[in-house]
């Protein structure tokens, strides 16, 4: 099973709880590490998470991005040293246009996370950083320009940053796709959760997976 998740709502959670952004984002990262463990317990082979979009980088203030980079560097260190990640043999792969990220410390730390988990193959996490679904498709089009390959679904899929098609697509905090996995999610079962990301609980995921297992998927037939 492949689950895609857009973990939205950290800033609104900060406002709701009277927290500063740093503590709210740290809470969100703790939840993400929990979520990876829940997925491993529920035999989810692949998880793709929308960590940071290209629009986040382009539209958020420099001050907020500096705070976010600082937090993420610290939290990635915690993730690298989280024994649950290694116990569950979770491989993390970064998917996105890292040239758009202005912090070399951040991109170096992402590479360190990849390297620290590269030997594992039981579970996989695609971490979408500086990612955009439209941009991903445009890059695939560019790759075909100087190629003699036939343009078909298999060849397009092989050129995508995320090659796995999600069975389940979860979005917290809002009811929209937000430029995430536009090609891959064509036939995903979509679940909008009316909770902010730090409020999501294990039982929410259990209910989603249980509902999914009861759903007859027709894939357009």
N, C-alpha and C. Protein backbone atom coordinates (compact mmCIF):
# COMPACT_ATOMS: atom_id res chain seq x y z
N UNK A 1 0.84 -1.19 0.00
CA UNK A 1 0.00 0.00 0.00
C UNK A 1 0.88 1.25 0.00
N UNK A 2 0.46 2.24 -0.75
CA UNK A 2 1.18 3.51 -0.83
C UNK A 2 0.24 4.63 -0.37
N UNK A 3 0.67 5.37 0.64
CA UNK A 3 -0.09 6.51 1.15
C UNK A 3 0.65 7.80 0.83
N UNK A 4 -0.09 8.78 0.31
CA UNK A 4 0.44 10.13 0.13
C UNK A 4 -0.23 11.04 1.16
N UNK A 5 0.54 11.96 1.72
CA UNK A 5 -0.01 12.83 2.76
C UNK A 5 0.46 14.26 2.57
N UNK A 6 -0.49 15.20 2.68
CA UNK A 6 -0.16 16.62 2.77
C UNK A 6 -0.46 17.05 4.20
N UNK A 7 0.58 17.18 5.03
CA UNK A 7 0.38 17.47 6.45
C UNK A 7 0.25 18.97 6.70
N UNK A 8 -0.94 19.50 6.48
CA UNK A 8 -1.15 20.94 6.51
C UNK A 8 -1.75 21.38 7.85
N UNK A 9 -1.39 22.60 8.27
CA UNK A 9 -2.03 23.19 9.43
C UNK A 9 -1.13 23.59 10.58
N UNK A 10 0.19 23.54 10.40
CA UNK A 10 1.09 23.88 11.51
C UNK A 10 0.94 25.34 11.96
N UNK A 11 0.83 26.26 10.99
CA UNK A 11 0.73 27.67 11.35
C UNK A 11 -0.60 27.98 12.04
N UNK A 12 -1.67 27.37 11.55
CA UNK A 12 -2.97 27.57 12.20
C UNK A 12 -3.01 26.94 13.59
N UNK A 13 -2.29 25.83 13.74
CA UNK A 13 -2.18 25.19 15.05
C UNK A 13 -1.45 26.11 16.03
N UNK A 14 -0.41 26.78 15.54
CA UNK A 14 0.33 27.72 16.38
C UNK A 14 -0.60 28.83 16.88
N UNK A 15 -1.40 29.37 15.97
CA UNK A 15 -2.33 30.44 16.33
C UNK A 15 -3.40 29.93 17.30
N UNK A 16 -3.90 28.74 17.03
CA UNK A 16 -4.95 28.14 17.86
C UNK A 16 -4.46 27.91 19.28
N UNK A 17 -3.21 27.46 19.42
CA UNK A 17 -2.67 27.09 20.73
C UNK A 17 -1.86 28.22 21.39
N UNK A 18 -1.71 29.36 20.67
CA UNK A 18 -0.91 30.44 21.22
C UNK A 18 0.56 30.11 21.29
N UNK A 19 1.03 29.30 20.33
CA UNK A 19 2.43 28.87 20.29
C UNK A 19 3.20 29.71 19.28
N UNK A 20 4.52 29.75 19.41
CA UNK A 20 5.30 30.37 18.35
C UNK A 20 5.49 29.36 17.22
N UNK A 21 5.90 29.84 16.04
CA UNK A 21 6.03 28.98 14.87
C UNK A 21 7.03 27.87 15.10
N UNK A 22 8.11 28.18 15.79
CA UNK A 22 9.16 27.17 16.00
C UNK A 22 8.61 25.97 16.74
N UNK A 23 7.86 26.22 17.82
CA UNK A 23 7.30 25.10 18.59
C UNK A 23 6.22 24.36 17.81
N UNK A 24 5.45 25.09 17.02
CA UNK A 24 4.39 24.46 16.22
C UNK A 24 4.98 23.54 15.16
N UNK A 25 6.00 24.02 14.45
CA UNK A 25 6.64 23.18 13.44
C UNK A 25 7.34 21.98 14.06
N UNK A 26 7.94 22.17 15.23
CA UNK A 26 8.58 21.04 15.94
C UNK A 26 7.53 20.00 16.32
N UNK A 27 6.36 20.47 16.77
CA UNK A 27 5.26 19.56 17.09
C UNK A 27 4.83 18.79 15.85
N UNK A 28 4.76 19.49 14.71
CA UNK A 28 4.40 18.85 13.45
C UNK A 28 5.41 17.79 13.03
N UNK A 29 6.68 18.05 13.24
CA UNK A 29 7.72 17.08 12.89
C UNK A 29 7.66 15.86 13.82
N UNK A 30 7.38 16.08 15.08
CA UNK A 30 7.20 14.94 15.99
C UNK A 30 6.04 14.06 15.52
N UNK A 31 4.97 14.72 15.08
CA UNK A 31 3.82 13.98 14.57
C UNK A 31 4.20 13.19 13.33
N UNK A 32 5.05 13.77 12.48
CA UNK A 32 5.45 13.07 11.26
C UNK A 32 6.25 11.81 11.57
N UNK A 33 7.15 11.89 12.55
CA UNK A 33 7.89 10.69 12.94
C UNK A 33 6.94 9.62 13.49
N UNK A 34 5.94 10.06 14.26
CA UNK A 34 4.91 9.12 14.73
C UNK A 34 4.17 8.50 13.55
N UNK A 35 3.84 9.33 12.58
CA UNK A 35 3.06 8.87 11.42
C UNK A 35 3.84 7.81 10.63
N UNK A 36 5.14 8.00 10.49
CA UNK A 36 5.98 7.00 9.81
C UNK A 36 5.89 5.67 10.55
N UNK A 37 5.96 5.72 11.89
CA UNK A 37 5.86 4.49 12.68
C UNK A 37 4.49 3.84 12.51
N UNK A 38 3.41 4.65 12.54
CA UNK A 38 2.08 4.09 12.35
C UNK A 38 1.98 3.37 11.02
N UNK A 39 2.51 3.99 9.99
CA UNK A 39 2.46 3.38 8.65
C UNK A 39 3.22 2.05 8.63
N UNK A 40 4.37 2.02 9.28
CA UNK A 40 5.14 0.77 9.34
C UNK A 40 4.35 -0.31 10.07
N UNK A 41 3.69 0.06 11.15
CA UNK A 41 2.89 -0.91 11.92
C UNK A 41 1.72 -1.44 11.10
N UNK A 42 1.21 -0.63 10.18
CA UNK A 42 0.04 -1.01 9.38
C UNK A 42 0.43 -1.55 8.01
N UNK A 43 1.70 -1.93 7.86
CA UNK A 43 2.21 -2.56 6.64
C UNK A 43 2.06 -1.68 5.41
N UNK A 44 2.24 -0.39 5.59
CA UNK A 44 2.28 0.54 4.46
C UNK A 44 3.70 0.51 3.90
N UNK A 45 3.83 0.04 2.67
CA UNK A 45 5.18 -0.11 2.10
C UNK A 45 5.80 1.22 1.72
N UNK A 46 4.96 2.18 1.27
CA UNK A 46 5.49 3.44 0.77
C UNK A 46 4.65 4.60 1.29
N UNK A 47 5.33 5.66 1.72
CA UNK A 47 4.69 6.88 2.17
C UNK A 47 5.33 8.04 1.43
N UNK A 48 4.51 8.89 0.81
CA UNK A 48 5.02 10.09 0.16
C UNK A 48 4.43 11.30 0.87
N UNK A 49 5.29 12.16 1.41
CA UNK A 49 4.85 13.30 2.21
C UNK A 49 5.27 14.61 1.57
N UNK A 50 4.31 15.53 1.51
CA UNK A 50 4.55 16.87 0.96
C UNK A 50 5.16 17.72 2.06
N UNK A 51 6.48 17.77 2.12
CA UNK A 51 7.17 18.46 3.21
C UNK A 51 7.29 19.96 2.97
N UNK A 52 7.62 20.34 1.74
CA UNK A 52 7.84 21.75 1.42
C UNK A 52 7.63 21.94 -0.08
N UNK A 53 6.64 22.74 -0.43
CA UNK A 53 6.33 22.93 -1.85
C UNK A 53 7.18 24.05 -2.44
N UNK A 54 7.25 24.08 -3.77
CA UNK A 54 7.91 25.20 -4.44
C UNK A 54 7.21 26.51 -4.12
N UNK A 55 5.87 26.46 -4.00
CA UNK A 55 5.11 27.66 -3.66
C UNK A 55 5.46 28.15 -2.25
N UNK A 56 5.71 27.21 -1.31
CA UNK A 56 6.16 27.61 0.03
C UNK A 56 7.43 28.45 -0.06
N UNK A 57 8.37 27.98 -0.85
CA UNK A 57 9.65 28.66 -0.99
C UNK A 57 9.49 30.01 -1.65
N UNK A 58 8.63 30.08 -2.66
CA UNK A 58 8.46 31.30 -3.43
C UNK A 58 7.62 32.35 -2.72
N UNK A 59 6.64 31.92 -1.91
CA UNK A 59 5.64 32.85 -1.39
C UNK A 59 5.76 33.19 0.08
N UNK A 60 6.44 32.37 0.85
CA UNK A 60 6.57 32.68 2.27
C UNK A 60 7.68 33.70 2.51
N UNK A 61 7.55 34.42 3.59
CA UNK A 61 8.53 35.47 3.89
C UNK A 61 9.91 34.87 4.17
N UNK A 62 10.92 35.67 3.94
CA UNK A 62 12.29 35.22 4.21
C UNK A 62 12.46 34.85 5.68
N UNK A 63 11.81 35.63 6.55
CA UNK A 63 11.91 35.37 7.98
C UNK A 63 11.32 34.00 8.32
N UNK A 64 10.15 33.69 7.77
CA UNK A 64 9.53 32.40 8.08
C UNK A 64 10.34 31.25 7.50
N UNK A 65 10.89 31.43 6.30
CA UNK A 65 11.70 30.36 5.70
C UNK A 65 12.96 30.11 6.51
N UNK A 66 13.55 31.16 7.05
CA UNK A 66 14.74 30.99 7.89
C UNK A 66 14.40 30.21 9.16
N UNK A 67 13.25 30.52 9.74
CA UNK A 67 12.79 29.78 10.92
C UNK A 67 12.55 28.32 10.56
N UNK A 68 11.88 28.12 9.43
CA UNK A 68 11.55 26.76 8.99
C UNK A 68 12.81 25.94 8.70
N UNK A 69 13.77 26.54 8.01
CA UNK A 69 15.02 25.83 7.71
C UNK A 69 15.75 25.45 9.00
N UNK A 70 15.79 26.37 9.94
CA UNK A 70 16.46 26.12 11.22
C UNK A 70 15.80 24.94 11.94
N UNK A 71 14.47 24.97 11.97
CA UNK A 71 13.73 23.89 12.64
C UNK A 71 13.95 22.57 11.95
N UNK A 72 13.83 22.57 10.61
CA UNK A 72 13.93 21.33 9.86
C UNK A 72 15.31 20.69 9.98
N UNK A 73 16.35 21.50 9.98
CA UNK A 73 17.70 20.97 10.16
C UNK A 73 17.81 20.24 11.50
N UNK A 74 17.29 20.89 12.54
CA UNK A 74 17.30 20.29 13.89
C UNK A 74 16.46 19.02 13.93
N UNK A 75 15.28 19.08 13.30
CA UNK A 75 14.36 17.94 13.35
C UNK A 75 14.83 16.78 12.48
N UNK A 76 15.54 17.07 11.38
CA UNK A 76 16.10 15.98 10.57
C UNK A 76 17.14 15.22 11.36
N UNK A 77 17.93 15.95 12.16
CA UNK A 77 18.88 15.27 13.05
C UNK A 77 18.16 14.31 13.99
N UNK A 78 17.05 14.77 14.56
CA UNK A 78 16.26 13.90 15.45
C UNK A 78 15.74 12.68 14.69
N UNK A 79 15.35 12.90 13.43
CA UNK A 79 14.83 11.80 12.62
C UNK A 79 15.92 10.78 12.32
N UNK A 80 17.10 11.27 11.98
CA UNK A 80 18.23 10.37 11.70
C UNK A 80 18.53 9.48 12.91
N UNK A 81 18.37 10.06 14.09
CA UNK A 81 18.69 9.33 15.33
C UNK A 81 17.49 8.66 15.97
N UNK A 82 16.34 8.70 15.29
CA UNK A 82 15.13 8.06 15.82
C UNK A 82 15.24 6.55 15.61
N UNK A 83 15.32 5.80 16.71
CA UNK A 83 15.53 4.35 16.60
C UNK A 83 14.38 3.65 15.87
N UNK A 84 13.19 4.26 15.86
CA UNK A 84 12.05 3.65 15.18
C UNK A 84 12.27 3.58 13.67
N UNK A 85 12.93 4.59 13.14
CA UNK A 85 13.21 4.63 11.70
C UNK A 85 14.10 3.44 11.30
N UNK A 86 15.08 3.14 12.14
CA UNK A 86 16.02 2.06 11.85
C UNK A 86 15.43 0.69 12.21
N UNK A 87 14.67 0.65 13.28
CA UNK A 87 14.01 -0.61 13.66
C UNK A 87 13.07 -1.07 12.56
N UNK A 88 12.34 -0.13 11.96
CA UNK A 88 11.37 -0.46 10.90
C UNK A 88 12.00 -0.47 9.51
N UNK A 89 13.30 -0.23 9.44
CA UNK A 89 14.05 -0.29 8.17
C UNK A 89 13.40 0.59 7.11
N UNK A 90 13.33 1.88 7.44
CA UNK A 90 12.68 2.87 6.57
C UNK A 90 13.74 3.60 5.76
N UNK A 91 13.62 3.52 4.46
CA UNK A 91 14.50 4.26 3.55
C UNK A 91 13.84 5.58 3.18
N UNK A 92 14.56 6.69 3.31
CA UNK A 92 14.03 8.01 2.97
C UNK A 92 14.70 8.51 1.70
N UNK A 93 13.88 8.93 0.74
CA UNK A 93 14.38 9.50 -0.50
C UNK A 93 13.80 10.89 -0.69
N UNK A 94 14.63 11.85 -1.07
CA UNK A 94 14.20 13.23 -1.27
C UNK A 94 13.79 13.42 -2.72
N UNK A 95 12.60 14.00 -2.93
CA UNK A 95 12.07 14.22 -4.27
C UNK A 95 11.73 15.69 -4.44
N UNK A 96 12.39 16.37 -5.36
CA UNK A 96 12.07 17.77 -5.59
C UNK A 96 13.23 18.50 -6.23
N UNK A 97 13.05 19.78 -6.43
CA UNK A 97 14.06 20.64 -7.05
C UNK A 97 14.86 21.35 -5.97
N UNK A 98 15.88 20.68 -5.48
CA UNK A 98 16.64 21.23 -4.36
C UNK A 98 17.45 22.46 -4.75
N UNK A 99 17.60 22.71 -6.06
CA UNK A 99 18.28 23.94 -6.49
C UNK A 99 17.49 25.18 -6.06
N UNK A 100 16.19 25.00 -5.83
CA UNK A 100 15.35 26.13 -5.41
C UNK A 100 15.53 26.45 -3.93
N UNK A 101 16.13 25.54 -3.19
CA UNK A 101 16.35 25.75 -1.75
C UNK A 101 17.65 26.53 -1.57
N UNK A 102 17.57 27.65 -0.85
CA UNK A 102 18.73 28.54 -0.73
C UNK A 102 19.65 28.18 0.43
N UNK A 103 19.26 27.22 1.24
CA UNK A 103 20.07 26.86 2.41
C UNK A 103 20.86 25.58 2.13
N UNK A 104 22.18 25.71 1.98
CA UNK A 104 23.02 24.53 1.75
C UNK A 104 23.04 23.64 2.99
N UNK A 105 22.97 24.22 4.17
CA UNK A 105 22.93 23.42 5.40
C UNK A 105 21.72 22.50 5.40
N UNK A 106 20.60 23.03 4.91
CA UNK A 106 19.37 22.24 4.86
C UNK A 106 19.48 21.11 3.85
N UNK A 107 19.96 21.42 2.64
CA UNK A 107 20.07 20.37 1.61
C UNK A 107 21.12 19.33 2.00
N UNK A 108 22.19 19.76 2.66
CA UNK A 108 23.20 18.80 3.12
C UNK A 108 22.62 17.86 4.17
N UNK A 109 21.75 18.40 5.03
CA UNK A 109 21.14 17.58 6.07
C UNK A 109 20.15 16.58 5.47
N UNK A 110 19.45 17.00 4.42
CA UNK A 110 18.56 16.08 3.71
C UNK A 110 19.35 14.92 3.10
N UNK A 111 20.50 15.24 2.52
CA UNK A 111 21.35 14.21 1.93
C UNK A 111 21.86 13.26 3.02
N UNK A 112 22.15 13.80 4.19
CA UNK A 112 22.59 12.98 5.31
C UNK A 112 21.50 11.99 5.73
N UNK A 113 20.25 12.47 5.71
CA UNK A 113 19.12 11.59 6.04
C UNK A 113 18.99 10.47 5.01
N UNK A 114 19.12 10.79 3.75
CA UNK A 114 19.08 9.76 2.70
C UNK A 114 20.17 8.73 2.92
N UNK A 115 21.39 9.21 3.14
CA UNK A 115 22.53 8.31 3.31
C UNK A 115 22.38 7.41 4.53
N UNK A 116 21.80 7.96 5.60
CA UNK A 116 21.66 7.21 6.85
C UNK A 116 20.65 6.08 6.74
N UNK A 117 19.78 6.14 5.73
CA UNK A 117 18.72 5.13 5.59
C UNK A 117 18.80 4.37 4.27
N UNK A 118 19.86 4.61 3.52
CA UNK A 118 19.95 4.06 2.16
C UNK A 118 19.99 2.53 2.13
N UNK A 119 20.45 1.92 3.20
CA UNK A 119 20.60 0.45 3.21
C UNK A 119 19.28 -0.28 3.44
N UNK A 120 18.23 0.44 3.81
CA UNK A 120 16.95 -0.20 4.14
C UNK A 120 16.06 -0.35 2.91
N UNK A 121 15.22 -1.39 2.93
CA UNK A 121 14.29 -1.58 1.80
C UNK A 121 12.94 -2.17 2.24
N UNK A 122 12.67 -2.18 3.53
CA UNK A 122 11.40 -2.73 4.01
C UNK A 122 10.26 -1.73 3.84
N UNK A 123 10.52 -0.47 4.20
CA UNK A 123 9.55 0.61 4.03
C UNK A 123 10.26 1.79 3.37
N UNK A 124 9.48 2.59 2.63
CA UNK A 124 10.06 3.72 1.91
C UNK A 124 9.27 4.99 2.19
N UNK A 125 10.00 6.09 2.40
CA UNK A 125 9.38 7.40 2.53
C UNK A 125 9.94 8.31 1.45
N UNK A 126 9.06 8.80 0.57
CA UNK A 126 9.43 9.85 -0.38
C UNK A 126 9.14 11.18 0.29
N UNK A 127 10.16 12.00 0.49
CA UNK A 127 9.99 13.30 1.13
C UNK A 127 10.04 14.37 0.04
N UNK A 128 8.87 14.92 -0.27
CA UNK A 128 8.77 15.91 -1.35
C UNK A 128 9.17 17.29 -0.81
N UNK A 129 10.35 17.75 -1.22
CA UNK A 129 10.89 19.04 -0.77
C UNK A 129 11.15 19.89 -2.01
N UNK A 130 10.69 21.13 -1.98
CA UNK A 130 10.78 22.00 -3.17
C UNK A 130 10.14 21.30 -4.37
N UNK A 131 8.97 20.76 -4.11
CA UNK A 131 8.26 19.96 -5.11
C UNK A 131 7.01 20.68 -5.58
N UNK A 132 6.68 20.48 -6.86
CA UNK A 132 5.42 20.96 -7.42
C UNK A 132 4.95 20.00 -8.49
N UNK A 133 3.69 19.61 -8.47
CA UNK A 133 3.18 18.63 -9.42
C UNK A 133 3.21 19.12 -10.86
N UNK A 134 2.80 20.37 -11.10
CA UNK A 134 2.83 20.91 -12.45
C UNK A 134 4.27 20.99 -12.96
N UNK A 135 5.16 21.45 -12.09
CA UNK A 135 6.56 21.57 -12.47
C UNK A 135 7.16 20.21 -12.80
N UNK A 136 6.78 19.19 -12.03
CA UNK A 136 7.27 17.83 -12.29
C UNK A 136 6.85 17.38 -13.68
N UNK A 137 5.61 17.62 -14.06
CA UNK A 137 5.12 17.21 -15.38
C UNK A 137 5.83 18.01 -16.48
N UNK A 138 6.06 19.29 -16.24
CA UNK A 138 6.77 20.11 -17.24
C UNK A 138 8.20 19.60 -17.45
N UNK A 139 8.84 19.17 -16.37
CA UNK A 139 10.19 18.62 -16.48
C UNK A 139 10.20 17.33 -17.28
N UNK A 140 9.16 16.51 -17.12
CA UNK A 140 9.04 15.28 -17.92
C UNK A 140 8.90 15.62 -19.40
N UNK A 141 8.09 16.64 -19.71
CA UNK A 141 7.92 17.07 -21.10
C UNK A 141 9.26 17.49 -21.69
N UNK A 142 10.05 18.22 -20.91
CA UNK A 142 11.37 18.66 -21.38
C UNK A 142 12.27 17.46 -21.67
N UNK A 143 12.18 16.43 -20.85
CA UNK A 143 13.02 15.24 -21.04
C UNK A 143 12.69 14.51 -22.34
N UNK A 144 11.44 14.61 -22.79
CA UNK A 144 11.04 13.95 -24.03
C UNK A 144 11.46 14.74 -25.28
N UNK A 145 11.77 16.03 -25.13
CA UNK A 145 12.06 16.87 -26.29
C UNK A 145 13.23 16.34 -27.11
N UNK A 146 14.28 15.93 -26.45
CA UNK A 146 15.48 15.44 -27.14
C UNK A 146 15.59 13.93 -27.07
N UNK A 147 14.47 13.27 -26.87
CA UNK A 147 14.47 11.81 -26.75
C UNK A 147 13.69 11.19 -27.90
N UNK A 148 14.09 9.99 -28.28
CA UNK A 148 13.39 9.25 -29.32
C UNK A 148 12.39 8.26 -28.73
N UNK A 149 12.25 8.30 -27.40
CA UNK A 149 11.32 7.40 -26.73
C UNK A 149 9.87 7.73 -27.10
N UNK A 150 9.08 6.68 -27.14
CA UNK A 150 7.64 6.88 -27.34
C UNK A 150 7.05 7.53 -26.09
N UNK A 151 6.14 8.48 -26.31
CA UNK A 151 5.47 9.12 -25.18
C UNK A 151 4.28 8.24 -24.78
N UNK A 152 4.46 7.45 -23.74
CA UNK A 152 3.38 6.62 -23.22
C UNK A 152 3.44 6.66 -21.70
N UNK A 153 2.44 6.07 -21.05
CA UNK A 153 2.34 6.20 -19.60
C UNK A 153 3.55 5.58 -18.88
N UNK A 154 4.02 4.46 -19.37
CA UNK A 154 5.15 3.80 -18.71
C UNK A 154 6.40 4.67 -18.78
N UNK A 155 6.68 5.25 -19.95
CA UNK A 155 7.87 6.08 -20.10
C UNK A 155 7.75 7.39 -19.33
N UNK A 156 6.54 7.94 -19.26
CA UNK A 156 6.33 9.13 -18.43
C UNK A 156 6.59 8.80 -16.97
N UNK A 157 6.04 7.69 -16.52
CA UNK A 157 6.19 7.28 -15.11
C UNK A 157 7.67 7.12 -14.75
N UNK A 158 8.45 6.58 -15.64
CA UNK A 158 9.87 6.35 -15.36
C UNK A 158 10.66 7.65 -15.22
N UNK A 159 10.08 8.76 -15.70
CA UNK A 159 10.76 10.05 -15.63
C UNK A 159 10.25 10.94 -14.50
N UNK A 160 9.25 10.47 -13.77
CA UNK A 160 8.71 11.24 -12.66
C UNK A 160 9.64 11.19 -11.44
N UNK A 161 9.57 12.22 -10.62
CA UNK A 161 10.33 12.22 -9.38
C UNK A 161 9.81 11.17 -8.41
N UNK A 162 8.48 11.04 -8.35
CA UNK A 162 7.84 10.00 -7.54
C UNK A 162 7.19 9.01 -8.50
N UNK A 163 7.71 7.80 -8.53
CA UNK A 163 7.25 6.83 -9.52
C UNK A 163 6.11 5.95 -9.01
N UNK A 164 5.92 5.92 -7.69
CA UNK A 164 4.86 5.09 -7.11
C UNK A 164 3.52 5.84 -7.18
N UNK A 165 2.46 5.12 -7.52
CA UNK A 165 1.12 5.70 -7.56
C UNK A 165 0.44 5.44 -6.21
N UNK A 166 0.01 6.50 -5.51
CA UNK A 166 -0.60 6.30 -4.18
C UNK A 166 -1.99 5.68 -4.25
N UNK A 167 -2.24 4.75 -3.35
CA UNK A 167 -3.57 4.17 -3.20
C UNK A 167 -4.47 5.13 -2.42
N UNK A 168 -3.88 5.77 -1.41
CA UNK A 168 -4.61 6.66 -0.51
C UNK A 168 -3.93 8.03 -0.52
N UNK A 169 -4.73 9.08 -0.61
CA UNK A 169 -4.25 10.45 -0.59
C UNK A 169 -4.93 11.14 0.59
N UNK A 170 -4.14 11.58 1.58
CA UNK A 170 -4.68 12.21 2.79
C UNK A 170 -4.27 13.68 2.83
N UNK A 171 -5.23 14.53 3.13
CA UNK A 171 -4.93 15.95 3.31
C UNK A 171 -5.56 16.42 4.62
N UNK A 172 -4.74 16.98 5.50
CA UNK A 172 -5.27 17.56 6.73
C UNK A 172 -5.44 19.06 6.54
N UNK A 173 -6.39 19.63 7.27
CA UNK A 173 -6.48 21.08 7.36
C UNK A 173 -7.11 21.82 6.21
N UNK A 174 -7.39 21.16 5.10
CA UNK A 174 -7.97 21.83 3.93
C UNK A 174 -8.54 20.80 2.98
N UNK A 175 -9.36 21.26 2.02
CA UNK A 175 -9.99 20.37 1.05
C UNK A 175 -9.51 20.71 -0.35
N UNK A 176 -8.25 20.51 -0.61
CA UNK A 176 -7.69 20.76 -1.94
C UNK A 176 -6.43 19.92 -2.13
N UNK A 177 -6.01 19.78 -3.39
CA UNK A 177 -4.85 18.95 -3.73
C UNK A 177 -3.55 19.73 -3.62
N UNK A 178 -3.59 21.03 -3.94
CA UNK A 178 -2.43 21.92 -3.79
C UNK A 178 -1.19 21.47 -4.57
N UNK A 179 -1.39 21.09 -5.84
CA UNK A 179 -0.27 20.84 -6.73
C UNK A 179 0.61 19.67 -6.29
N UNK A 180 0.00 18.66 -5.70
CA UNK A 180 0.75 17.51 -5.19
C UNK A 180 0.38 16.25 -5.96
N UNK A 181 1.37 15.60 -6.55
CA UNK A 181 1.21 14.31 -7.22
C UNK A 181 0.05 14.33 -8.22
N UNK A 182 0.05 15.32 -9.10
CA UNK A 182 -1.07 15.50 -10.04
C UNK A 182 -1.20 14.34 -11.01
N UNK A 183 -0.08 13.80 -11.46
CA UNK A 183 -0.11 12.64 -12.36
C UNK A 183 -0.36 11.36 -11.56
N UNK A 184 0.40 11.19 -10.50
CA UNK A 184 0.38 9.93 -9.76
C UNK A 184 -0.94 9.69 -9.04
N UNK A 185 -1.62 10.76 -8.64
CA UNK A 185 -2.82 10.62 -7.83
C UNK A 185 -4.11 10.54 -8.61
N UNK A 186 -4.02 10.24 -9.90
CA UNK A 186 -5.21 10.26 -10.77
C UNK A 186 -6.33 9.36 -10.26
N UNK A 187 -5.99 8.20 -9.67
CA UNK A 187 -7.01 7.27 -9.19
C UNK A 187 -6.85 6.96 -7.70
N UNK A 188 -6.20 7.86 -6.97
CA UNK A 188 -6.08 7.67 -5.53
C UNK A 188 -7.42 7.90 -4.84
N UNK A 189 -7.63 7.17 -3.75
CA UNK A 189 -8.79 7.44 -2.90
C UNK A 189 -8.40 8.60 -1.98
N UNK A 190 -9.17 9.70 -2.06
CA UNK A 190 -8.81 10.93 -1.36
C UNK A 190 -9.60 11.07 -0.06
N UNK A 191 -8.86 11.38 1.02
CA UNK A 191 -9.48 11.57 2.33
C UNK A 191 -9.05 12.94 2.88
N UNK A 192 -10.02 13.83 3.01
CA UNK A 192 -9.77 15.13 3.62
C UNK A 192 -10.13 15.03 5.10
N UNK A 193 -9.16 15.30 5.95
CA UNK A 193 -9.35 15.18 7.40
C UNK A 193 -9.51 16.57 8.00
N UNK A 194 -10.63 16.80 8.67
CA UNK A 194 -10.91 18.11 9.24
C UNK A 194 -10.22 18.30 10.59
N UNK A 195 -8.92 18.07 10.55
CA UNK A 195 -8.06 18.34 11.70
C UNK A 195 -6.79 19.01 11.18
N UNK A 196 -6.17 19.82 12.02
CA UNK A 196 -4.86 20.36 11.67
C UNK A 196 -3.83 19.24 11.87
N UNK A 197 -2.74 19.31 11.12
CA UNK A 197 -1.78 18.22 11.11
C UNK A 197 -1.34 17.76 12.50
N UNK A 198 -0.94 18.65 13.42
CA UNK A 198 -0.50 18.16 14.73
C UNK A 198 -1.60 17.48 15.54
N UNK A 199 -2.86 17.64 15.11
CA UNK A 199 -3.98 17.04 15.83
C UNK A 199 -4.32 15.63 15.35
N UNK A 200 -3.73 15.21 14.24
CA UNK A 200 -4.03 13.88 13.70
C UNK A 200 -3.60 12.79 14.67
N UNK A 201 -4.44 11.76 14.82
CA UNK A 201 -4.12 10.66 15.73
C UNK A 201 -4.06 9.34 14.96
N UNK A 202 -3.46 8.37 15.61
CA UNK A 202 -3.32 7.04 15.00
C UNK A 202 -4.67 6.46 14.61
N UNK A 203 -5.68 6.71 15.42
CA UNK A 203 -7.00 6.18 15.13
C UNK A 203 -7.57 6.76 13.83
N UNK A 204 -7.21 8.00 13.51
CA UNK A 204 -7.65 8.60 12.24
C UNK A 204 -7.10 7.81 11.06
N UNK A 205 -5.83 7.45 11.14
CA UNK A 205 -5.22 6.67 10.07
C UNK A 205 -5.83 5.28 9.98
N UNK A 206 -6.08 4.66 11.14
CA UNK A 206 -6.71 3.33 11.15
C UNK A 206 -8.07 3.36 10.45
N UNK A 207 -8.86 4.39 10.73
CA UNK A 207 -10.19 4.52 10.13
C UNK A 207 -10.09 4.71 8.61
N UNK A 208 -9.12 5.50 8.18
CA UNK A 208 -8.94 5.74 6.74
C UNK A 208 -8.57 4.44 6.03
N UNK A 209 -7.61 3.70 6.60
CA UNK A 209 -7.19 2.45 5.97
C UNK A 209 -8.31 1.43 5.97
N UNK A 210 -9.07 1.38 7.06
CA UNK A 210 -10.21 0.46 7.13
C UNK A 210 -11.26 0.81 6.07
N UNK A 211 -11.53 2.09 5.90
CA UNK A 211 -12.47 2.53 4.87
C UNK A 211 -11.96 2.19 3.48
N UNK A 212 -10.68 2.40 3.27
CA UNK A 212 -10.06 2.10 1.97
C UNK A 212 -10.21 0.62 1.62
N UNK A 213 -9.98 -0.23 2.60
CA UNK A 213 -10.05 -1.67 2.36
C UNK A 213 -11.47 -2.12 1.99
N UNK A 214 -12.46 -1.34 2.38
CA UNK A 214 -13.84 -1.67 2.06
C UNK A 214 -14.29 -1.05 0.73
N UNK A 215 -13.44 -0.25 0.13
CA UNK A 215 -13.81 0.48 -1.09
C UNK A 215 -13.48 -0.34 -2.33
N UNK A 216 -14.43 -0.44 -3.21
CA UNK A 216 -14.21 -1.09 -4.51
C UNK A 216 -13.63 -0.05 -5.47
N UNK A 217 -12.44 -0.31 -5.95
CA UNK A 217 -11.76 0.64 -6.84
C UNK A 217 -11.97 0.21 -8.30
N UNK A 218 -12.48 1.13 -9.11
CA UNK A 218 -12.82 0.82 -10.50
C UNK A 218 -11.82 1.34 -11.52
N UNK A 219 -10.95 2.29 -11.08
CA UNK A 219 -9.94 2.87 -11.98
C UNK A 219 -10.55 3.35 -13.30
N UNK A 220 -11.69 4.02 -13.20
CA UNK A 220 -12.30 4.61 -14.38
C UNK A 220 -13.15 3.67 -15.21
N UNK A 221 -13.30 2.41 -14.78
CA UNK A 221 -14.06 1.44 -15.58
C UNK A 221 -15.57 1.70 -15.44
